PDB file of N, CA and C in Angstrom:
ATOM      1  N   MET A   1      13.923   5.541  -7.397  1.00  0.00           N
ATOM      2  CA  MET A   1      13.827   5.326  -9.293  1.00  0.00           C
ATOM      3  C   MET A   1      12.918   6.771  -9.214  1.00  0.00           C
ATOM      4  N   PRO A   2      13.419   7.170 -10.064  1.00  0.00           N
ATOM      5  CA  PRO A   2      12.433   8.806 -10.603  1.00  0.00           C
ATOM      6  C   PRO A   2      11.038   7.971 -11.270  1.00  0.00           C
ATOM      7  N   PHE A   3      10.504   8.843 -11.919  1.00  0.00           N
ATOM      8  CA  PHE A   3       9.231   8.453 -11.800  1.00  0.00           C
ATOM      9  C   PHE A   3       8.321   9.512 -13.031  1.00  0.00           C
ATOM     10  N   ARG A   4       8.207   9.590 -13.509  1.00  0.00           N
ATOM     11  CA  ARG A   4       7.808  10.280 -14.729  1.00  0.00           C
ATOM     12  C   ARG A   4       6.621  10.714 -15.049  1.00  0.00           C
ATOM     13  N   ASP A   5       6.220  12.594 -15.323  1.00  0.00           N
ATOM     14  CA  ASP A   5       4.522  12.178 -15.790  1.00  0.00           C
ATOM     15  C   ASP A   5       3.247  10.967 -14.717  1.00  0.00           C
ATOM     16  N   LEU A   6       2.959  10.699 -14.075  1.00  0.00           N
ATOM     17  CA  LEU A   6       3.087   9.564 -13.238  1.00  0.00           C
ATOM     18  C   LEU A   6       1.874  10.216 -13.164  1.00  0.00           C
ATOM     19  N   PRO A   7       0.417   9.958 -13.359  1.00  0.00           N
ATOM     20  CA  PRO A   7      -0.476  10.444 -12.891  1.00  0.00           C
ATOM     21  C   PRO A   7      -1.390  10.269 -11.602  1.00  0.00           C
ATOM     22  N   PRO A   8      -2.302  11.266 -11.305  1.00  0.00           N
ATOM     23  CA  PRO A   8      -2.628  10.867  -9.382  1.00  0.00           C
ATOM     24  C   PRO A   8      -3.013  10.582  -8.753  1.00  0.00           C
ATOM     25  N   PHE A   9      -2.463  10.144  -8.025  1.00  0.00           N
ATOM     26  CA  PHE A   9      -3.058   8.601  -6.943  1.00  0.00           C
ATOM     27  C   PHE A   9      -2.216   9.042  -5.708  1.00  0.00           C
ATOM     28  N   ASP A  10      -2.955   8.662  -4.775  1.00  0.00           N
ATOM     29  CA  ASP A  10      -2.745   8.447  -3.552  1.00  0.00           C
ATOM     30  C   ASP A  10      -1.168   7.812  -2.874  1.00  0.00           C
ATOM     31  N   TYR A  11      -1.374   6.656  -3.469  1.00  0.00           N
ATOM     32  CA  TYR A  11      -0.479   5.624  -2.986  1.00  0.00           C
ATOM     33  C   TYR A  11       0.255   4.773  -4.582  1.00  0.00           C
ATOM     34  N   TYR A  12       1.779   4.631  -4.661  1.00  0.00           N
ATOM     35  CA  TYR A  12       1.958   3.095  -5.624  1.00  0.00           C
ATOM     36  C   TYR A  12       2.703   2.258  -4.961  1.00  0.00           C
ATOM     37  N   ALA A  13       2.404   1.215  -5.813  1.00  0.00           N
ATOM     38  CA  ALA A  13       3.539   0.118  -5.430  1.00  0.00           C
ATOM     39  C   ALA A  13       4.728  -0.444  -6.625  1.00  0.00           C
ATOM     40  N   MET A  14       5.401  -0.924  -5.657  1.00  0.00           N
ATOM     41  CA  MET A  14       6.265  -0.622  -7.178  1.00  0.00           C
ATOM     42  C   MET A  14       7.393  -2.236  -6.654  1.00  0.00           C
ATOM     43  N   VAL A  15       7.239  -3.390  -7.905  1.00  0.00           N
ATOM     44  CA  VAL A  15       7.923  -4.063  -7.406  1.00  0.00           C
ATOM     45  C   VAL A  15       9.526  -3.852  -9.162  1.00  0.00           C
ATOM     46  N   SER A  16      10.591  -4.024  -8.254  1.00  0.00           N
ATOM     47  CA  SER A  16      11.474  -4.436  -9.899  1.00  0.00           C
ATOM     48  C   SER A  16      12.604  -5.459  -9.444  1.00  0.00           C
ATOM     49  N   ARG A  17      12.478  -6.291 -10.297  1.00  0.00           N
ATOM     50  CA  ARG A  17      13.718  -7.309 -10.037  1.00  0.00           C
ATOM     51  C   ARG A  17      15.255  -6.691 -10.452  1.00  0.00           C
ATOM     52  N   ALA A  18      15.530  -7.056  -9.864  1.00  0.00           N
ATOM     53  CA  ALA A  18      17.333  -7.115 -10.062  1.00  0.00           C
ATOM     54  C   ALA A  18      18.298  -6.960 -11.139  1.00  0.00           C
ATOM     55  N   ASP A  19      17.750  -7.965 -11.568  1.00  0.00           N
ATOM     56  CA  ASP A  19      18.185  -8.052 -13.462  1.00  0.00           C
ATOM     57  C   ASP A  19      17.181  -7.435 -14.689  1.00  0.00           C
ATOM     58  N   LYS A  20      16.526  -6.702 -14.211  1.00  0.00           N
ATOM     59  CA  LYS A  20      15.893  -5.741 -15.097  1.00  0.00           C
ATOM     60  C   LYS A  20      15.729  -4.290 -14.581  1.00  0.00           C
ATOM     61  N   ARG A  21      16.814  -3.989 -13.973  1.00  0.00           N
ATOM     62  CA  ARG A  21      16.709  -2.405 -13.038  1.00  0.00           C
ATOM     63  C   ARG A  21      16.995  -1.511 -14.143  1.00  0.00           C
ATOM     64  N   PRO A  22      16.807  -0.377 -14.463  1.00  0.00           N
ATOM     65  CA  PRO A  22      16.029   0.962 -13.583  1.00  0.00           C
ATOM     66  C   PRO A  22      14.106   0.683 -13.068  1.00  0.00           C
ATOM     67  N   GLU A  23      14.116  -0.559 -14.152  1.00  0.00           N
ATOM     68  CA  GLU A  23      12.782  -1.109 -14.753  1.00  0.00           C
ATOM     69  C   GLU A  23      11.592  -1.158 -13.309  1.00  0.00           C
ATOM     70  N   ALA A  24      10.646  -1.475 -13.979  1.00  0.00           N
ATOM     71  CA  ALA A  24      10.026  -1.838 -12.201  1.00  0.00           C
ATOM     72  C   ALA A  24       8.622  -1.698 -13.367  1.00  0.00           C
ATOM     73  N   GLY A  25       7.254  -2.826 -12.392  1.00  0.00           N
ATOM     74  CA  GLY A  25       5.991  -2.747 -12.079  1.00  0.00           C
ATOM     75  C   GLY A  25       5.724  -1.129 -11.048  1.00  0.00           C
ATOM     76  N   LEU A  26       4.488  -1.050 -11.766  1.00  0.00           N
ATOM     77  CA  LEU A  26       4.330   0.070 -10.991  1.00  0.00           C
ATOM     78  C   LEU A  26       2.642  -0.587 -10.338  1.00  0.00           C
ATOM     79  N   TRP A  27       1.883  -0.201  -9.370  1.00  0.00           N
ATOM     80  CA  TRP A  27       0.650   0.006  -9.593  1.00  0.00           C
ATOM     81  C   TRP A  27      -0.109   1.335  -8.551  1.00  0.00           C
ATOM     82  N   PRO A  28      -0.991   1.793  -9.551  1.00  0.00           N
ATOM     83  CA  PRO A  28      -1.360   3.898  -8.884  1.00  0.00           C
ATOM     84  C   PRO A  28      -2.649   2.601  -7.989  1.00  0.00           C
ATOM     85  N   LEU A  29      -2.949   3.089  -6.796  1.00  0.00           N
ATOM     86  CA  LEU A  29      -3.504   3.189  -5.597  1.00  0.00           C
ATOM     87  C   LEU A  29      -3.935   4.625  -5.345  1.00  0.00           C
ATOM     88  N   ARG A  30      -5.396   4.142  -5.086  1.00  0.00           N
ATOM     89  CA  ARG A  30      -6.384   5.360  -4.135  1.00  0.00           C
ATOM     90  C   ARG A  30      -6.158   4.945  -3.175  1.00  0.00           C
ATOM     91  N   LEU A  31      -7.133   5.855  -1.475  1.00  0.00           N
ATOM     92  CA  LEU A  31      -7.116   5.441  -0.756  1.00  0.00           C
ATOM     93  C   LEU A  31      -7.835   4.381  -0.355  1.00  0.00           C
ATOM     94  N   ARG A  32      -9.572   4.486  -1.440  1.00  0.00           N
ATOM     95  CA  ARG A  32      -9.937   3.779  -0.943  1.00  0.00           C
ATOM     96  C   ARG A  32      -9.548   2.212  -1.969  1.00  0.00           C
ATOM     97  N   ASP A  33      -8.811   1.792  -2.736  1.00  0.00           N
ATOM     98  CA  ASP A  33      -8.890   0.412  -2.956  1.00  0.00           C
ATOM     99  C   ASP A  33      -8.253  -0.913  -2.641  1.00  0.00           C
ATOM    100  N   ARG A  34      -8.146  -2.069  -2.684  1.00  0.00           N
ATOM    101  CA  ARG A  34      -7.735  -2.797  -1.968  1.00  0.00           C
ATOM    102  C   ARG A  34      -5.921  -2.605  -2.311  1.00  0.00           C
ATOM    103  N   LEU A  35      -5.737  -3.258  -2.029  1.00  0.00           N
ATOM    104  CA  LEU A  35      -4.134  -3.265  -1.853  1.00  0.00           C
ATOM    105  C   LEU A  35      -4.262  -4.565  -2.595  1.00  0.00           C
ATOM    106  N   PRO A  36      -3.344  -4.726  -3.716  1.00  0.00           N
ATOM    107  CA  PRO A  36      -3.334  -5.892  -4.868  1.00  0.00           C
ATOM    108  C   PRO A  36      -1.878  -6.796  -3.840  1.00  0.00           C
ATOM    109  N   THR A  37      -2.225  -8.083  -4.684  1.00  0.00           N
ATOM    110  CA  THR A  37      -1.518  -9.196  -4.548  1.00  0.00           C
ATOM    111  C   THR A  37      -0.460  -8.799  -5.176  1.00  0.00           C
ATOM    112  N   LEU A  38       1.719  -8.551  -5.468  1.00  0.00           N
ATOM    113  CA  LEU A  38       1.815  -9.255  -6.439  1.00  0.00           C
ATOM    114  C   LEU A  38       2.766  -9.724  -5.899  1.00  0.00           C
ATOM    115  N   GLN A  39       3.676 -10.240  -7.600  1.00  0.00           N
ATOM    116  CA  GLN A  39       4.755 -11.087  -7.759  1.00  0.00           C
ATOM    117  C   GLN A  39       6.119 -10.779  -7.376  1.00  0.00           C
ATOM    118  N   VAL A  40       6.279 -11.505  -5.713  1.00  0.00           N
ATOM    119  CA  VAL A  40       7.834 -10.406  -5.630  1.00  0.00           C
ATOM    120  C   VAL A  40       9.388 -11.604  -6.392  1.00  0.00           C
ATOM    121  N   PRO A  41       9.762 -10.858  -6.957  1.00  0.00           N
ATOM    122  CA  PRO A  41      10.789 -11.842  -7.872  1.00  0.00           C
ATOM    123  C   PRO A  41      11.457 -12.673  -6.717  1.00  0.00           C
ATOM    124  N   LEU A  42      12.223 -13.816  -6.972  1.00  0.00           N
ATOM    125  CA  LEU A  42      12.755 -14.940  -6.551  1.00  0.00           C
ATOM    126  C   LEU A  42      14.080 -14.918  -7.053  1.00  0.00           C
ATOM    127  N   LEU A  43      15.301 -15.810  -6.394  1.00  0.00           N
ATOM    128  CA  LEU A  43      16.207 -16.053  -6.869  1.00  0.00           C
ATOM    129  C   LEU A  43      15.826 -17.487  -7.944  1.00  0.00           C
ATOM    130  N   PRO A  44      16.335 -17.468  -9.440  1.00  0.00           N
ATOM    131  CA  PRO A  44      15.966 -18.907 -10.084  1.00  0.00           C
ATOM    132  C   PRO A  44      16.494 -19.877  -9.553  1.00  0.00           C
ATOM    133  N   PRO A  45      15.774 -21.232  -8.838  1.00  0.00           N
ATOM    134  CA  PRO A  45      15.308 -22.070  -9.588  1.00  0.00           C
ATOM    135  C   PRO A  45      13.855 -21.356  -9.262  1.00  0.00           C
ATOM    136  N   HIS A  46      13.542 -20.584  -7.920  1.00  0.00           N
ATOM    137  CA  HIS A  46      12.331 -20.666  -7.373  1.00  0.00           C
ATOM    138  C   HIS A  46      11.095 -19.303  -8.237  1.00  0.00           C
ATOM    139  N   ALA A  47       9.650 -20.410  -8.457  1.00  0.00           N
ATOM    140  CA  ALA A  47       8.944 -19.313  -8.735  1.00  0.00           C
ATOM    141  C   ALA A  47       9.048 -17.649  -8.303  1.00  0.00           C
ATOM    142  N   ASP A  48       8.227 -16.889  -8.459  1.00  0.00           N
ATOM    143  CA  ASP A  48       7.322 -15.890  -7.472  1.00  0.00           C
ATOM    144  C   ASP A  48       7.363 -16.041  -6.717  1.00  0.00           C
ATOM    145  N   ALA A  49       7.589 -15.669  -5.522  1.00  0.00           N
ATOM    146  CA  ALA A  49       6.266 -15.279  -4.271  1.00  0.00           C
ATOM    147  C   ALA A  49       5.389 -14.676  -4.602  1.00  0.00           C
ATOM    148  N   LYS A  50       4.216 -14.632  -4.419  1.00  0.00           N
ATOM    149  CA  LYS A  50       2.654 -14.204  -4.232  1.00  0.00           C
ATOM    150  C   LYS A  50       2.788 -12.834  -2.983  1.00  0.00           C
ATOM    151  N   LEU A  51       2.709 -11.652  -2.626  1.00  0.00           N
ATOM    152  CA  LEU A  51       2.767 -11.287  -1.308  1.00  0.00           C
ATOM    153  C   LEU A  51       0.997 -10.288  -1.844  1.00  0.00           C
ATOM    154  N   ASP A  52       0.476 -11.288  -0.773  1.00  0.00           N
ATOM    155  CA  ASP A  52      -1.233  -9.977  -0.764  1.00  0.00           C
ATOM    156  C   ASP A  52      -1.195  -8.975   0.036  1.00  0.00           C
ATOM    157  N   LEU A  53      -0.537  -7.992  -0.047  1.00  0.00           N
ATOM    158  CA  LEU A  53      -0.240  -6.742   0.628  1.00  0.00           C
ATOM    159  C   LEU A  53      -1.351  -6.004   1.992  1.00  0.00           C
ATOM    160  N   GLN A  54      -2.984  -6.301   0.979  1.00  0.00           N
ATOM    161  CA  GLN A  54      -4.358  -6.356   1.971  1.00  0.00           C
ATOM    162  C   GLN A  54      -3.670  -6.955   3.505  1.00  0.00           C
ATOM    163  N   ALA A  55      -3.992  -8.398   2.677  1.00  0.00           N
ATOM    164  CA  ALA A  55      -3.625  -9.167   4.170  1.00  0.00           C
ATOM    165  C   ALA A  55      -2.447  -9.199   4.853  1.00  0.00           C
ATOM    166  N   ALA A  56      -1.508  -8.544   4.352  1.00  0.00           N
ATOM    167  CA  ALA A  56      -0.132  -8.632   5.688  1.00  0.00           C
ATOM    168  C   ALA A  56      -0.396  -6.813   6.413  1.00  0.00           C
ATOM    169  N   LEU A  57      -1.006  -6.063   5.456  1.00  0.00           N
ATOM    170  CA  LEU A  57      -1.164  -4.926   6.310  1.00  0.00           C
ATOM    171  C   LEU A  57      -2.429  -5.085   7.729  1.00  0.00           C
ATOM    172  N   HIS A  58      -3.384  -6.031   6.895  1.00  0.00           N
ATOM    173  CA  HIS A  58      -4.374  -6.220   8.284  1.00  0.00           C
ATOM    174  C   HIS A  58      -4.066  -6.926   9.768  1.00  0.00           C
ATOM    175  N   ARG A  59      -2.188  -8.240   9.042  1.00  0.00           N
ATOM    176  CA  ARG A  59      -1.902  -8.631   9.825  1.00  0.00           C
ATOM    177  C   ARG A  59      -1.090  -7.851  11.154  1.00  0.00           C
ATOM    178  N   LEU A  60      -0.442  -7.296  10.517  1.00  0.00           N
ATOM    179  CA  LEU A  60       0.525  -5.489  11.012  1.00  0.00           C
ATOM    180  C   LEU A  60      -0.456  -5.100  11.674  1.00  0.00           C
ATOM    181  N   TYR A  61      -1.709  -4.775  10.916  1.00  0.00           N
ATOM    182  CA  TYR A  61      -2.742  -3.663  12.200  1.00  0.00           C
ATOM    183  C   TYR A  61      -2.890  -4.559  13.900  1.00  0.00           C
ATOM    184  N   ASP A  62      -3.404  -5.312  13.170  1.00  0.00           N
ATOM    185  CA  ASP A  62      -3.533  -6.944  14.343  1.00  0.00           C
ATOM    186  C   ASP A  62      -2.578  -7.280  15.146  1.00  0.00           C
ATOM    187  N   ALA A  63      -1.446  -7.274  14.627  1.00  0.00           N
ATOM    188  CA  ALA A  63       0.112  -8.081  15.711  1.00  0.00           C
ATOM    189  C   ALA A  63       0.032  -6.237  16.740  1.00  0.00           C
ATOM    190  N   ALA A  64       0.400  -5.606  15.637  1.00  0.00           N
ATOM    191  CA  ALA A  64       1.419  -4.762  16.282  1.00  0.00           C
ATOM    192  C   ALA A  64       0.255  -3.315  17.459  1.00  0.00           C
ATOM    193  N   GLY A  65      -1.240  -3.746  17.331  1.00  0.00           N
ATOM    194  CA  GLY A  65      -2.192  -3.040  18.082  1.00  0.00           C
ATOM    195  C   GLY A  65      -2.062  -1.781  17.969  1.00  0.00           C
ATOM    196  N   TYR A  66      -1.993  -1.372  16.956  1.00  0.00           N
ATOM    197  CA  TYR A  66      -2.331  -0.669  15.629  1.00  0.00           C
ATOM    198  C   TYR A  66      -4.144   0.894  16.257  1.00  0.00           C
ATOM    199  N   GLU A  67      -4.881  -0.935  16.716  1.00  0.00           N
ATOM    200  CA  GLU A  67      -5.907   0.392  17.272  1.00  0.00           C
ATOM    201  C   GLU A  67      -6.659   0.843  18.802  1.00  0.00           C
ATOM    202  N   ASP A  68      -4.651   0.857  19.745  1.00  0.00           N
ATOM    203  CA  ASP A  68      -5.092   1.523  20.751  1.00  0.00           C
ATOM    204  C   ASP A  68      -4.431   2.752  20.576  1.00  0.00           C
ATOM    205  N   TYR A  69      -3.709   3.345  19.407  1.00  0.00           N
ATOM    206  CA  TYR A  69      -3.584   4.115  19.351  1.00  0.00           C
ATOM    207  C   TYR A  69      -3.361   5.134  18.632  1.00  0.00           C
ATOM    208  N   ILE A  70      -3.720   4.420  17.042  1.00  0.00           N
ATOM    209  CA  ILE A  70      -4.223   4.819  15.301  1.00  0.00           C
ATOM    210  C   ILE A  70      -4.969   5.754  14.982  1.00  0.00           C
ATOM    211  N   TYR A  71      -6.104   5.666  16.292  1.00  0.00           N
ATOM    212  CA  TYR A  71      -7.217   6.904  15.924  1.00  0.00           C
ATOM    213  C   TYR A  71      -6.631   8.184  16.330  1.00  0.00           C
ATOM    214  N   ARG A  72      -5.607   8.055  17.512  1.00  0.00           N
ATOM    215  CA  ARG A  72      -5.697   9.550  17.631  1.00  0.00           C
ATOM    216  C   ARG A  72      -4.969  10.381  17.158  1.00  0.00           C
ATOM    217  N   GLY A  73      -5.149  11.882  17.036  1.00  0.00           N
ATOM    218  CA  GLY A  73      -4.713  13.100  16.102  1.00  0.00           C
ATOM    219  C   GLY A  73      -5.684  13.074  14.597  1.00  0.00           C
ATOM    220  N   LYS A  74      -5.343  13.900  13.556  1.00  0.00           N
ATOM    221  CA  LYS A  74      -5.168  13.750  11.997  1.00  0.00           C
ATOM    222  C   LYS A  74      -3.874  13.257  11.522  1.00  0.00           C
ATOM    223  N   PRO A  75      -4.663  12.463  10.128  1.00  0.00           N
ATOM    224  CA  PRO A  75      -3.496  12.263   9.631  1.00  0.00           C
ATOM    225  C   PRO A  75      -2.872  13.188   8.982  1.00  0.00           C
ATOM    226  N   GLU A  76      -1.318  12.451   8.219  1.00  0.00           N
ATOM    227  CA  GLU A  76      -0.422  13.758   7.708  1.00  0.00           C
ATOM    228  C   GLU A  76       0.042  12.901   6.975  1.00  0.00           C
ATOM    229  N   PRO A  77       0.297  12.937   5.507  1.00  0.00           N
ATOM    230  CA  PRO A  77      -1.328  14.458   4.753  1.00  0.00           C
ATOM    231  C   PRO A  77      -2.022  14.451   5.589  1.00  0.00           C
ATOM    232  N   PRO A  78      -2.804  15.372   5.567  1.00  0.00           N
ATOM    233  CA  PRO A  78      -4.225  15.429   5.419  1.00  0.00           C
ATOM    234  C   PRO A  78      -5.328  14.631   4.536  1.00  0.00           C
ATOM    235  N   LEU A  79      -5.698  14.295   4.970  1.00  0.00           N
ATOM    236  CA  LEU A  79      -7.026  13.724   3.816  1.00  0.00           C
ATOM    237  C   LEU A  79      -7.537  14.717   3.208  1.00  0.00           C
ATOM    238  N   SER A  80      -8.256  14.278   2.044  1.00  0.00           N
ATOM    239  CA  SER A  80      -9.211  15.568   1.027  1.00  0.00           C
ATOM    240  C   SER A  80     -10.777  15.089   2.136  1.00  0.00           C
ATOM    241  N   ASP A  81     -11.519  15.982   1.999  1.00  0.00           N
ATOM    242  CA  ASP A  81     -12.889  16.369   3.130  1.00  0.00           C
ATOM    243  C   ASP A  81     -13.096  14.726   2.701  1.00  0.00           C
ATOM    244  N   SER A  82     -13.531  14.286   1.024  1.00  0.00           N
ATOM    245  CA  SER A  82     -14.123  13.369   0.943  1.00  0.00           C
ATOM    246  C   SER A  82     -13.410  11.776   1.972  1.00  0.00           C
ATOM    247  N   ASP A  83     -12.026  11.767   1.213  1.00  0.00           N
ATOM    248  CA  ASP A  83     -11.416  11.002   1.693  1.00  0.00           C
ATOM    249  C   ASP A  83     -11.623  10.009   3.835  1.00  0.00           C
ATOM    250  N   ALA A  84     -11.717  11.885   4.289  1.00  0.00           N
ATOM    251  CA  ALA A  84     -11.991  11.532   5.931  1.00  0.00           C
ATOM    252  C   ALA A  84     -13.195  11.435   6.105  1.00  0.00           C
ATOM    253  N   ALA A  85     -13.779  11.814   5.784  1.00  0.00           N
ATOM    254  CA  ALA A  85     -15.294  11.292   5.949  1.00  0.00           C
ATOM    255  C   ALA A  85     -15.745   9.788   5.969  1.00  0.00           C
ATOM    256  N   TRP A  86     -14.678   9.413   4.976  1.00  0.00           N
ATOM    257  CA  TRP A  86     -14.953   7.887   4.386  1.00  0.00           C
ATOM    258  C   TRP A  86     -14.601   7.716   5.515  1.00  0.00           C
ATOM    259  N   ALA A  87     -13.185   7.587   5.759  1.00  0.00           N
ATOM    260  CA  ALA A  87     -12.227   7.107   6.633  1.00  0.00           C
ATOM    261  C   ALA A  87     -12.710   6.867   7.899  1.00  0.00           C
ATOM    262  N   MET A  88     -13.744   8.239   8.217  1.00  0.00           N
ATOM    263  CA  MET A  88     -14.435   7.944   9.963  1.00  0.00           C
ATOM    264  C   MET A  88     -15.397   6.777   9.981  1.00  0.00           C
ATOM    265  N   THR A  89     -15.515   6.216   8.933  1.00  0.00           N
ATOM    266  CA  THR A  89     -16.905   5.197   9.101  1.00  0.00           C
ATOM    267  C   THR A  89     -16.232   4.129   9.340  1.00  0.00           C
ATOM    268  N   PHE A  90     -14.420   3.813   9.296  1.00  0.00           N
ATOM    269  CA  PHE A  90     -13.981   3.279  10.014  1.00  0.00           C
ATOM    270  C   PHE A  90     -13.121   3.311  11.298  1.00  0.00           C
ATOM    271  N   VAL A  91     -13.647   4.166  11.785  1.00  0.00           N
ATOM    272  CA  VAL A  91     -13.152   4.739  13.342  1.00  0.00           C
ATOM    273  C   VAL A  91     -14.058   4.074  14.486  1.00  0.00           C
ATOM    274  N   PRO A  92     -13.565   3.539  15.163  1.00  0.00           N
ATOM    275  CA  PRO A  92     -14.750   2.773  16.831  1.00  0.00           C
ATOM    276  C   PRO A  92     -14.562   4.139  17.208  1.00  0.00           C
ATOM    277  N   LYS A  93     -16.293   3.760  17.897  1.00  0.00           N
ATOM    278  CA  LYS A  93     -16.933   4.322  18.363  1.00  0.00           C
ATOM    279  C   LYS A  93     -16.727   4.460  20.099  1.00  0.00           C
TER     280      LYS A  93
END
């Protein structure tokens, strides 16, 4: 979906209802932000489902064993100097 004139952020989360496209909800995020909980549209008569993106990321990280290899090499695209220094505080020694 083409978005114009978006403010500069590191990431964006987007949710779109099938019957409202091309409209979409957009959440701009910085690397250091906690990921949001989003309302995921379901078909009627079901209410929207809540998806906690931060919890899902943590669960995926643990289940996939990322701690065994994610810290090798440098991130692509590279982080800013300040974000790289911040990220290093989470790297196991």
